């Protein structure tokens, strides 16, 4: 039983000294998308602001858990 939740890279970039650069972030996003596209996994892509993402993720988790 797995649920994979993937958050798109469209959230505002904030560099705090520990994060990847914008270009590295984009490359990592492309790599992750490529990985998931070739796997028979449940995948949710969420875009938008942080509050909107949280709402969608909570709903996805609740929906997923009702299946079991």
N, C-alpha and C. Protein backbone atom coordinates (compact mmCIF):
# COMPACT_ATOMS: atom_id res chain seq x y z
N UNK A 1 0.85 -1.16 0.00
CA UNK A 1 0.00 0.00 0.00
C UNK A 1 0.90 1.22 0.00
N UNK A 2 0.89 1.95 -1.11
CA UNK A 2 1.73 3.14 -1.25
C UNK A 2 0.91 4.27 -1.84
N UNK A 3 1.19 5.45 -1.37
CA UNK A 3 0.62 6.66 -1.94
C UNK A 3 1.77 7.61 -2.17
N UNK A 4 1.97 8.00 -3.40
CA UNK A 4 3.04 8.93 -3.73
C UNK A 4 2.40 10.28 -4.04
N UNK A 5 2.81 11.29 -3.34
CA UNK A 5 2.29 12.64 -3.56
C UNK A 5 3.45 13.48 -4.05
N UNK A 6 3.30 13.99 -5.25
CA UNK A 6 4.37 14.79 -5.85
C UNK A 6 3.92 16.23 -5.96
N UNK A 7 4.66 17.13 -5.40
CA UNK A 7 4.36 18.55 -5.45
C UNK A 7 5.20 19.20 -6.54
N UNK A 8 4.54 19.85 -7.47
CA UNK A 8 5.24 20.48 -8.59
C UNK A 8 6.15 21.60 -8.10
N UNK A 9 7.07 21.98 -8.93
CA UNK A 9 8.08 22.96 -8.56
C UNK A 9 7.61 24.40 -8.73
N UNK A 10 6.31 24.62 -8.82
CA UNK A 10 5.83 25.98 -9.08
C UNK A 10 5.72 26.85 -7.83
N UNK A 11 6.01 26.30 -6.67
CA UNK A 11 5.99 27.12 -5.45
C UNK A 11 7.14 28.12 -5.53
N UNK A 12 6.96 29.28 -4.92
CA UNK A 12 8.03 30.28 -4.96
C UNK A 12 9.35 29.72 -4.43
N UNK A 13 10.42 30.04 -5.12
CA UNK A 13 11.75 29.58 -4.73
C UNK A 13 12.30 30.51 -3.66
N UNK A 14 12.70 29.94 -2.56
CA UNK A 14 13.32 30.71 -1.48
C UNK A 14 14.66 30.04 -1.15
N UNK A 15 15.72 30.76 -1.38
CA UNK A 15 17.05 30.21 -1.10
C UNK A 15 17.42 30.53 0.35
N UNK A 16 17.63 29.49 1.12
CA UNK A 16 17.99 29.68 2.52
C UNK A 16 19.42 29.23 2.80
N UNK A 17 20.17 28.99 1.74
CA UNK A 17 21.55 28.57 1.90
C UNK A 17 21.74 27.07 1.91
N UNK A 18 20.65 26.31 2.03
CA UNK A 18 20.74 24.85 2.05
C UNK A 18 20.06 24.21 0.85
N UNK A 19 19.37 25.00 0.08
CA UNK A 19 18.60 24.47 -1.05
C UNK A 19 19.41 24.44 -2.33
N UNK A 20 18.92 23.64 -3.28
CA UNK A 20 19.52 23.61 -4.60
C UNK A 20 19.30 24.95 -5.29
N UNK A 21 20.09 25.23 -6.31
CA UNK A 21 19.85 26.43 -7.11
C UNK A 21 18.57 26.23 -7.92
N UNK A 22 18.07 27.29 -8.51
CA UNK A 22 16.85 27.20 -9.32
C UNK A 22 17.04 26.21 -10.46
N UNK A 23 18.18 26.26 -11.14
CA UNK A 23 18.44 25.35 -12.26
C UNK A 23 18.52 23.90 -11.78
N UNK A 24 19.21 23.67 -10.66
CA UNK A 24 19.31 22.31 -10.11
C UNK A 24 17.93 21.80 -9.67
N UNK A 25 17.13 22.69 -9.13
CA UNK A 25 15.77 22.34 -8.72
C UNK A 25 14.96 21.86 -9.93
N UNK A 26 15.07 22.58 -11.03
CA UNK A 26 14.34 22.20 -12.25
C UNK A 26 14.80 20.86 -12.78
N UNK A 27 16.11 20.62 -12.76
CA UNK A 27 16.63 19.33 -13.22
C UNK A 27 16.15 18.19 -12.33
N UNK A 28 16.13 18.40 -11.03
CA UNK A 28 15.66 17.38 -10.11
C UNK A 28 14.17 17.11 -10.33
N UNK A 29 13.39 18.15 -10.57
CA UNK A 29 11.96 18.00 -10.85
C UNK A 29 11.76 17.14 -12.10
N UNK A 30 12.50 17.43 -13.15
CA UNK A 30 12.39 16.64 -14.38
C UNK A 30 12.77 15.18 -14.14
N UNK A 31 13.80 14.96 -13.34
CA UNK A 31 14.23 13.60 -13.03
C UNK A 31 13.14 12.85 -12.26
N UNK A 32 12.55 13.49 -11.28
CA UNK A 32 11.48 12.85 -10.50
C UNK A 32 10.28 12.52 -11.37
N UNK A 33 9.89 13.47 -12.21
CA UNK A 33 8.74 13.23 -13.11
C UNK A 33 9.02 12.06 -14.04
N UNK A 34 10.23 11.99 -14.55
CA UNK A 34 10.61 10.89 -15.44
C UNK A 34 10.52 9.56 -14.71
N UNK A 35 10.97 9.52 -13.47
CA UNK A 35 10.92 8.30 -12.67
C UNK A 35 9.47 7.84 -12.49
N UNK A 36 8.60 8.74 -12.10
CA UNK A 36 7.21 8.36 -11.84
C UNK A 36 6.43 8.01 -13.10
N UNK A 37 6.78 8.63 -14.23
CA UNK A 37 6.07 8.35 -15.48
C UNK A 37 6.23 6.90 -15.91
N UNK A 38 7.32 6.28 -15.56
CA UNK A 38 7.61 4.92 -16.00
C UNK A 38 7.28 3.86 -14.95
N UNK A 39 6.58 4.24 -13.92
CA UNK A 39 6.24 3.31 -12.84
C UNK A 39 4.72 3.24 -12.67
N UNK A 40 4.20 2.05 -12.40
CA UNK A 40 2.76 1.91 -12.19
C UNK A 40 2.38 2.29 -10.75
N UNK A 41 2.61 3.53 -10.39
CA UNK A 41 2.34 4.00 -9.04
C UNK A 41 1.21 5.01 -9.05
N UNK A 42 0.58 5.16 -7.92
CA UNK A 42 -0.41 6.23 -7.78
C UNK A 42 0.38 7.52 -7.67
N UNK A 43 0.01 8.49 -8.49
CA UNK A 43 0.75 9.75 -8.47
C UNK A 43 -0.22 10.92 -8.46
N UNK A 44 0.03 11.86 -7.60
CA UNK A 44 -0.75 13.08 -7.54
C UNK A 44 0.20 14.25 -7.76
N UNK A 45 -0.11 15.09 -8.72
CA UNK A 45 0.67 16.30 -8.96
C UNK A 45 -0.15 17.49 -8.50
N UNK A 46 0.40 18.25 -7.60
CA UNK A 46 -0.33 19.41 -7.10
C UNK A 46 0.44 20.67 -7.37
N UNK A 47 -0.29 21.65 -7.85
CA UNK A 47 0.28 22.95 -8.14
C UNK A 47 -0.49 23.99 -7.34
N UNK A 48 0.08 25.16 -7.20
CA UNK A 48 -0.60 26.25 -6.52
C UNK A 48 0.06 26.62 -5.21
N UNK A 49 -0.59 27.50 -4.51
CA UNK A 49 -0.06 27.98 -3.24
C UNK A 49 -0.03 26.90 -2.17
N UNK A 50 0.65 27.22 -1.10
CA UNK A 50 0.85 26.24 -0.04
C UNK A 50 -0.46 25.78 0.61
N UNK A 51 -1.39 26.70 0.85
CA UNK A 51 -2.66 26.32 1.48
C UNK A 51 -3.47 25.42 0.55
N UNK A 52 -3.49 25.74 -0.72
CA UNK A 52 -4.22 24.93 -1.71
C UNK A 52 -3.61 23.52 -1.79
N UNK A 53 -2.30 23.45 -1.80
CA UNK A 53 -1.62 22.15 -1.84
C UNK A 53 -1.98 21.33 -0.61
N UNK A 54 -1.95 21.95 0.55
CA UNK A 54 -2.26 21.23 1.78
C UNK A 54 -3.67 20.65 1.73
N UNK A 55 -4.63 21.44 1.27
CA UNK A 55 -6.01 20.95 1.14
C UNK A 55 -6.08 19.74 0.23
N UNK A 56 -5.42 19.82 -0.93
CA UNK A 56 -5.45 18.71 -1.89
C UNK A 56 -4.76 17.46 -1.34
N UNK A 57 -3.65 17.64 -0.65
CA UNK A 57 -2.92 16.51 -0.10
C UNK A 57 -3.74 15.81 0.98
N UNK A 58 -4.35 16.58 1.86
CA UNK A 58 -5.19 15.99 2.91
C UNK A 58 -6.34 15.22 2.29
N UNK A 59 -6.98 15.79 1.28
CA UNK A 59 -8.09 15.10 0.60
C UNK A 59 -7.60 13.82 -0.07
N UNK A 60 -6.44 13.85 -0.70
CA UNK A 60 -5.90 12.66 -1.37
C UNK A 60 -5.59 11.56 -0.37
N UNK A 61 -5.03 11.93 0.77
CA UNK A 61 -4.72 10.94 1.81
C UNK A 61 -6.00 10.34 2.37
N UNK A 62 -6.98 11.17 2.66
CA UNK A 62 -8.26 10.66 3.18
C UNK A 62 -8.92 9.71 2.18
N UNK A 63 -8.92 10.10 0.90
CA UNK A 63 -9.50 9.24 -0.15
C UNK A 63 -8.75 7.92 -0.25
N UNK A 64 -7.44 7.99 -0.21
CA UNK A 64 -6.62 6.79 -0.29
C UNK A 64 -6.89 5.84 0.88
N UNK A 65 -6.99 6.39 2.08
CA UNK A 65 -7.18 5.56 3.26
C UNK A 65 -8.58 4.92 3.32
N UNK A 66 -9.55 5.51 2.67
CA UNK A 66 -10.89 4.91 2.67
C UNK A 66 -10.95 3.64 1.82
N UNK A 67 -9.96 3.42 1.00
CA UNK A 67 -9.93 2.21 0.16
C UNK A 67 -9.54 0.97 0.95
N UNK A 68 -9.03 1.16 2.17
CA UNK A 68 -8.52 0.02 2.93
C UNK A 68 -9.29 -0.21 4.19
